[in-house]
C-alpha atoms as a PDB file:
ATOM      1  CA  MET A   1       2.199  49.950  38.854  1.00  0.00           C
ATOM      2  CA  PRO A   2       4.230  49.807  42.261  1.00  0.00           C
ATOM      3  CA  LEU A   3       7.973  49.121  41.925  1.00  0.00           C
ATOM      4  CA  GLY A   4       7.675  45.786  44.140  1.00  0.00           C
ATOM      5  CA  TRP A   5       5.461  44.066  41.625  1.00  0.00           C
ATOM      6  CA  ILE A   6       7.933  44.878  38.604  1.00  0.00           C
ATOM      7  CA  MET A   7      10.759  43.513  40.858  1.00  0.00           C
ATOM      8  CA  ARG A   8       8.758  40.255  41.601  1.00  0.00           C
ATOM      9  CA  THR A   9       7.873  39.635  38.101  1.00  0.00           C
ATOM     10  CA  ARG A  10      11.536  39.908  37.061  1.00  0.00           C
ATOM     11  CA  LYS A  11      12.801  37.350  39.429  1.00  0.00           C
ATOM     12  CA  ARG A  12      12.722  33.912  37.487  1.00  0.00           C
ATOM     13  CA  ASN A  13      14.261  30.732  37.912  1.00  0.00           C
ATOM     14  CA  ASN A  14      16.686  30.142  35.188  1.00  0.00           C
ATOM     15  CA  SER A  15      18.432  27.158  36.591  1.00  0.00           C
ATOM     16  CA  PRO A  16      16.823  24.607  34.262  1.00  0.00           C
ATOM     17  CA  GLY A  17      18.107  27.089  31.446  1.00  0.00           C
ATOM     18  CA  GLY A  18      21.538  27.230  33.009  1.00  0.00           C
ATOM     19  CA  PHE A  19      21.682  23.603  33.569  1.00  0.00           C
ATOM     20  CA  LEU A  20      21.160  22.933  29.820  1.00  0.00           C
ATOM     21  CA  LEU A  21      23.880  25.421  28.749  1.00  0.00           C
ATOM     22  CA  LEU A  22      26.096  24.012  30.794  1.00  0.00           C
ATOM     23  CA  LEU A  23      25.357  20.322  29.581  1.00  0.00           C
ATOM     24  CA  LEU A  24      25.759  21.887  25.970  1.00  0.00           C
ATOM     25  CA  LEU A  25      29.081  23.293  26.795  1.00  0.00           C
ATOM     26  CA  LEU A  26      30.359  19.937  28.313  1.00  0.00           C
ATOM     27  CA  VAL A  27      29.161  18.222  25.271  1.00  0.00           C
ATOM     28  CA  ALA A  28      30.958  20.426  23.269  1.00  0.00           C
ATOM     29  CA  LEU A  29      34.011  20.120  24.940  1.00  0.00           C
ATOM     30  CA  THR A  30      33.915  16.448  25.051  1.00  0.00           C
ATOM     31  CA  VAL A  31      33.409  16.309  20.995  1.00  0.00           C
ATOM     32  CA  MET A  32      36.432  18.981  20.319  1.00  0.00           C
ATOM     33  CA  LYS A  33      38.522  16.707  22.924  1.00  0.00           C
ATOM     34  CA  GLY A  34      37.938  13.751  20.647  1.00  0.00           C
ATOM     35  CA  ASN A  35      38.392  15.573  17.423  1.00  0.00           C
ATOM     36  CA  PHE A  36      41.350  17.706  18.046  1.00  0.00           C
ATOM     37  CA  SER A  37      44.279  16.887  20.038  1.00  0.00           C
ATOM     38  CA  LEU A  38      45.789  19.384  22.549  1.00  0.00           C
ATOM     39  CA  ALA A  39      49.467  19.814  21.468  1.00  0.00           C
ATOM     40  CA  GLY A  40      52.255  18.770  23.860  1.00  0.00           C
ATOM     41  CA  THR A  41      49.721  16.390  25.983  1.00  0.00           C
ATOM     42  CA  ASP A  42      51.025  12.428  25.800  1.00  0.00           C
ATOM     43  CA  SER A  43      48.386  11.486  28.625  1.00  0.00           C
ATOM     44  CA  ALA A  44      46.614   9.374  26.581  1.00  0.00           C
ATOM     45  CA  CYS A  45      49.653   8.014  24.776  1.00  0.00           C
ATOM     46  CA  CYS A  46      50.009   4.755  27.084  1.00  0.00           C
ATOM     47  CA  GLU A  47      49.462   3.463  30.528  1.00  0.00           C
ATOM     48  CA  GLU A  48      52.907   4.209  32.305  1.00  0.00           C
ATOM     49  CA  LYS A  49      54.722   1.057  32.538  1.00  0.00           C
ATOM     50  CA  VAL A  50      58.362   2.132  33.362  1.00  0.00           C
ATOM     51  CA  PHE A  51      58.839   3.427  36.817  1.00  0.00           C
ATOM     52  CA  VAL A  52      62.332   5.143  37.753  1.00  0.00           C
ATOM     53  CA  LYS A  53      63.420   6.573  40.743  1.00  0.00           C
ATOM     54  CA  ILE A  54      65.634   9.590  40.553  1.00  0.00           C
ATOM     55  CA  SER A  55      67.196  11.514  43.568  1.00  0.00           C
ATOM     56  CA  GLY A  56      70.404  13.579  44.475  1.00  0.00           C
ATOM     57  CA  ASP A  57      70.798  16.984  43.176  1.00  0.00           C
ATOM     58  CA  VAL A  58      67.488  17.331  41.467  1.00  0.00           C
ATOM     59  CA  VAL A  59      64.676  19.900  42.210  1.00  0.00           C
ATOM     60  CA  ARG A  60      61.939  17.098  42.559  1.00  0.00           C
ATOM     61  CA  PRO A  61      63.397  13.825  43.578  1.00  0.00           C
ATOM     62  CA  CYS A  62      60.459  11.173  42.957  1.00  0.00           C
ATOM     63  CA  VAL A  63      59.498   8.038  41.226  1.00  0.00           C
ATOM     64  CA  TYR A  64      58.341   9.015  37.840  1.00  0.00           C
ATOM     65  CA  GLY A  65      56.421   6.910  35.365  1.00  0.00           C
ATOM     66  CA  PHE A  66      57.006   6.768  31.532  1.00  0.00           C
ATOM     67  CA  CYS A  67      55.657   5.063  28.621  1.00  0.00           C
ATOM     68  CA  GLU A  68      58.928   3.865  27.633  1.00  0.00           C
ATOM     69  CA  PRO A  69      62.445   3.705  29.253  1.00  0.00           C
ATOM     70  CA  PRO A  70      63.808   7.206  29.374  1.00  0.00           C
ATOM     71  CA  ASP A  71      66.988   8.632  29.125  1.00  0.00           C
ATOM     72  CA  LEU A  72      68.652  11.051  31.681  1.00  0.00           C
ATOM     73  CA  LYS A  73      67.446  13.975  29.759  1.00  0.00           C
ATOM     74  CA  ALA A  74      63.764  12.776  30.359  1.00  0.00           C
ATOM     75  CA  LEU A  75      64.269  11.903  33.838  1.00  0.00           C
ATOM     76  CA  LEU A  76      65.822  15.208  34.678  1.00  0.00           C
ATOM     77  CA  VAL A  77      63.004  17.326  32.848  1.00  0.00           C
ATOM     78  CA  ARG A  78      60.319  15.328  34.996  1.00  0.00           C
ATOM     79  CA  ALA A  79      62.544  15.620  38.009  1.00  0.00           C
ATOM     80  CA  GLY A  80      62.532  20.001  37.646  1.00  0.00           C
ATOM     81  CA  GLY A  81      66.157  19.834  36.553  1.00  0.00           C
ATOM     82  CA  LEU A  82      69.297  19.801  38.552  1.00  0.00           C
ATOM     83  CA  ILE A  83      69.856  21.933  41.524  1.00  0.00           C
ATOM     84  CA  SER A  84      73.200  23.158  40.062  1.00  0.00           C
ATOM     85  CA  VAL A  85      73.653  26.277  37.683  1.00  0.00           C
ATOM     86  CA  SER A  86      75.897  24.565  35.578  1.00  0.00           C
ATOM     87  CA  ASP A  87      73.302  21.980  34.538  1.00  0.00           C
ATOM     88  CA  ALA A  88      72.880  23.521  31.168  1.00  0.00           C
ATOM     89  CA  THR A  89      76.246  22.338  29.993  1.00  0.00           C
ATOM     90  CA  TRP A  90      75.749  18.574  30.853  1.00  0.00           C
ATOM     91  CA  THR A  91      74.998  16.358  27.940  1.00  0.00           C
ATOM     92  CA  SER A  92      72.760  13.421  28.394  1.00  0.00           C
ATOM     93  CA  PRO A  93      74.460   9.965  27.464  1.00  0.00           C
ATOM     94  CA  GLY A  94      72.258   7.779  25.314  1.00  0.00           C
ATOM     95  CA  VAL A  95      71.693   5.312  28.131  1.00  0.00           C
ATOM     96  CA  LEU A  96      68.019   4.305  28.658  1.00  0.00           C
ATOM     97  CA  PHE A  97      67.010   3.397  32.401  1.00  0.00           C
ATOM     98  CA  LYS A  98      64.760   0.170  32.824  1.00  0.00           C
ATOM     99  CA  SER A  99      62.096   0.093  34.994  1.00  0.00           C
ATOM    100  CA  GLY A 100      62.663  -0.529  38.800  1.00  0.00           C
ATOM    101  CA  GLU A 101      66.077   1.431  38.614  1.00  0.00           C
ATOM    102  CA  ASP A 102      67.083   4.017  41.199  1.00  0.00           C
ATOM    103  CA  ILE A 103      69.101   6.778  39.845  1.00  0.00           C
ATOM    104  CA  TYR A 104      71.069   9.186  42.160  1.00  0.00           C
ATOM    105  CA  VAL A 105      72.548  12.142  40.390  1.00  0.00           C
ATOM    106  CA  ARG A 106      75.156  14.271  41.918  1.00  0.00           C
ATOM    107  CA  CYS A 107      76.325  17.700  40.570  1.00  0.00           C
ATOM    108  CA  ARG A 108      80.065  17.761  39.779  1.00  0.00           C
ATOM    109  CA  LYS A 109      82.095  20.465  37.912  1.00  0.00           C
ATOM    110  CA  ARG A 110      83.181  18.072  35.242  1.00  0.00           C
ATOM    111  CA  GLY A 111      79.730  16.740  34.723  1.00  0.00           C
ATOM    112  CA  PRO A 112      77.035  14.600  36.538  1.00  0.00           C
ATOM    113  CA  GLN A 113      77.926  11.812  38.630  1.00  0.00           C
ATOM    114  CA  ILE A 114      75.177   9.070  37.915  1.00  0.00           C
ATOM    115  CA  ILE A 115      74.911   6.141  40.340  1.00  0.00           C
ATOM    116  CA  GLN A 116      72.629   3.273  39.345  1.00  0.00           C
ATOM    117  CA  GLY A 117      71.028   1.003  41.642  1.00  0.00           C
ATOM    118  CA  GLU A 118      67.703  -0.672  42.001  1.00  0.00           C
ATOM    119  CA  MET A 119      64.712   0.595  43.867  1.00  0.00           C
ATOM    120  CA  SER A 120      63.911  -0.924  47.164  1.00  0.00           C
ATOM    121  CA  ALA A 121      61.558  -3.644  47.378  1.00  0.00           C
ATOM    122  CA  PHE A 122      58.956  -1.600  48.921  1.00  0.00           C
ATOM    123  CA  TYR A 123      59.002   0.582  45.795  1.00  0.00           C
ATOM    124  CA  ARG A 124      58.870  -2.156  43.326  1.00  0.00           C
ATOM    125  CA  ILE A 125      55.792  -4.035  45.297  1.00  0.00           C
ATOM    126  CA  THR A 126      54.088  -0.594  45.084  1.00  0.00           C
ATOM    127  CA  PHE A 127      54.572  -0.336  41.462  1.00  0.00           C
ATOM    128  CA  GLY A 128      53.671  -3.973  40.675  1.00  0.00           C
ATOM    129  CA  MET A 129      57.131  -5.097  40.027  1.00  0.00           C
ATOM    130  CA  PRO A 130      58.590  -8.361  40.905  1.00  0.00           C
ATOM    131  CA  VAL A 131      61.183  -8.696  43.706  1.00  0.00           C
ATOM    132  CA  SER A 132      64.224 -10.769  43.046  1.00  0.00           C
ATOM    133  CA  LEU A 133      64.498 -13.802  45.237  1.00  0.00           C
ATOM    134  CA  ASN A 134      68.268 -13.887  44.181  1.00  0.00           C
ATOM    135  CA  ARG A 135      69.273 -10.370  44.949  1.00  0.00           C
ATOM    136  CA  GLU A 136      66.910  -8.805  47.539  1.00  0.00           C
ATOM    137  CA  THR A 137      68.013  -8.061  51.319  1.00  0.00           C
ATOM    138  CA  GLN A 138      66.167 -10.110  54.120  1.00  0.00           C
ATOM    139  CA  GLU A 139      64.632  -6.532  55.033  1.00  0.00           C
ATOM    140  CA  GLY A 140      63.508  -6.065  51.476  1.00  0.00           C
ATOM    141  CA  LEU A 141      61.911  -9.590  51.428  1.00  0.00           C
ATOM    142  CA  THR A 142      59.537  -8.490  54.085  1.00  0.00           C
ATOM    143  CA  ALA A 143      57.621  -5.801  51.580  1.00  0.00           C
ATOM    144  CA  ILE A 144      56.185  -8.964  49.974  1.00  0.00           C
ATOM    145  CA  PRO A 145      52.587  -9.354  51.803  1.00  0.00           C
ATOM    146  CA  GLY A 146      52.487 -12.505  53.746  1.00  0.00           C
ATOM    147  CA  ILE A 147      56.337 -12.863  54.242  1.00  0.00           C
ATOM    148  CA  GLY A 148      57.613 -11.707  57.851  1.00  0.00           C
ATOM    149  CA  TRP A 149      61.072 -11.513  59.228  1.00  0.00           C
ATOM    150  CA  GLY A 150      61.433 -15.182  60.054  1.00  0.00           C
ATOM    151  CA  ILE A 151      60.580 -16.266  56.482  1.00  0.00           C
ATOM    152  CA  ALA A 152      62.318 -13.757  54.975  1.00  0.00           C
ATOM    153  CA  LYS A 153      65.569 -14.977  56.920  1.00  0.00           C
ATOM    154  CA  ALA A 154      64.968 -18.643  55.760  1.00  0.00           C
ATOM    155  CA  ILE A 155      64.798 -17.601  52.449  1.00  0.00           C
ATOM    156  CA  VAL A 156      68.242 -15.543  52.428  1.00  0.00           C
ATOM    157  CA  ARG A 157      69.764 -18.747  54.342  1.00  0.00           C
ATOM    158  CA  GLU A 158      68.370 -21.183  51.732  1.00  0.00           C
ATOM    159  CA  ARG A 159      69.563 -18.841  48.915  1.00  0.00           C
ATOM    160  CA  ASN A 160      72.962 -18.864  50.198  1.00  0.00           C
ATOM    161  CA  GLU A 161      73.050 -22.524  50.679  1.00  0.00           C
ATOM    162  CA  ARG A 162      71.967 -23.073  47.220  1.00  0.00           C
ATOM    163  CA  GLY A 163      74.123 -20.489  45.634  1.00  0.00           C
ATOM    164  CA  GLY A 164      70.796 -18.771  44.245  1.00  0.00           C
ATOM    165  CA  PHE A 165      67.351 -19.999  43.370  1.00  0.00           C
ATOM    166  CA  LYS A 166      66.846 -21.679  39.959  1.00  0.00           C
ATOM    167  CA  SER A 167      63.033 -21.033  39.729  1.00  0.00           C
ATOM    168  CA  ILE A 168      60.576 -19.480  42.083  1.00  0.00           C
ATOM    169  CA  ASP A 169      58.997 -22.624  43.236  1.00  0.00           C
ATOM    170  CA  ASP A 170      62.369 -23.687  44.758  1.00  0.00           C
ATOM    171  CA  ILE A 171      60.999 -21.573  47.835  1.00  0.00           C
ATOM    172  CA  LEU A 172      58.453 -24.394  48.552  1.00  0.00           C
ATOM    173  CA  SER A 173      61.171 -26.232  50.297  1.00  0.00           C
ATOM    174  CA  ILE A 174      61.462 -23.491  53.037  1.00  0.00           C
ATOM    175  CA  GLN A 175      59.771 -24.540  56.244  1.00  0.00           C
ATOM    176  CA  GLY A 176      56.583 -22.122  56.611  1.00  0.00           C
ATOM    177  CA  ILE A 177      56.241 -21.579  52.758  1.00  0.00           C
ATOM    178  CA  GLY A 178      53.384 -24.101  51.740  1.00  0.00           C
ATOM    179  CA  PRO A 179      51.007 -24.108  48.823  1.00  0.00           C
ATOM    180  CA  SER A 180      48.754 -21.626  50.121  1.00  0.00           C
ATOM    181  CA  LEU A 181      51.433 -18.773  51.123  1.00  0.00           C
ATOM    182  CA  TYR A 182      53.050 -19.595  47.726  1.00  0.00           C
ATOM    183  CA  ARG A 183      50.165 -18.831  45.736  1.00  0.00           C
ATOM    184  CA  LYS A 184      49.710 -15.597  47.734  1.00  0.00           C
ATOM    185  CA  ILE A 185      53.502 -14.463  47.220  1.00  0.00           C
ATOM    186  CA  SER A 186      54.335 -15.800  43.640  1.00  0.00           C
ATOM    187  CA  PRO A 187      52.788 -12.790  41.844  1.00  0.00           C
ATOM    188  CA  TYR A 188      55.351 -10.572  43.649  1.00  0.00           C
ATOM    189  CA  LEU A 189      58.502 -12.794  43.026  1.00  0.00           C
ATOM    190  CA  GLY A 190      60.996 -12.781  40.318  1.00  0.00           C
ATOM    191  CA  LEU A 191      64.541 -14.315  39.939  1.00  0.00           C
END
């Protein structure tokens, strides 16, 4: 027998067998994942409902999502820790942070300085949190789809004249906000 004939007979197309083997492997992994939880993973615990922004002297400043309100230690873990070498000596106060908070951490020799604030309206809109009609700046109100600079200015002027809004539908008295625009912007508003 010539050598070329042997080589030709050994070439087989095993793609159907390889496909079935891959499919079997994927099914096995899916079954194992359903029966055995991986230690340390909490990705299936909940949908992230609490969003907190952390910045300052942290390794990875960002907005992080949590299943429940985090304390300072949980925030620092997600942000990669503090830039300072002395961060191991700091203890975390038992304060839990609410969704929409903006936490600024500054490293000090005697401990962390924590400055709490509110996320900007642009972040709040992005993460589906309401924007306060009674506290937001004119610029922040422009983050709401459908509100431009002029209407935002009118909202702030009306808020100052009234001493604050008692309910969200109080803004219907502002010129330029009719029922159609109100329906569009009301999901983004809070007091």
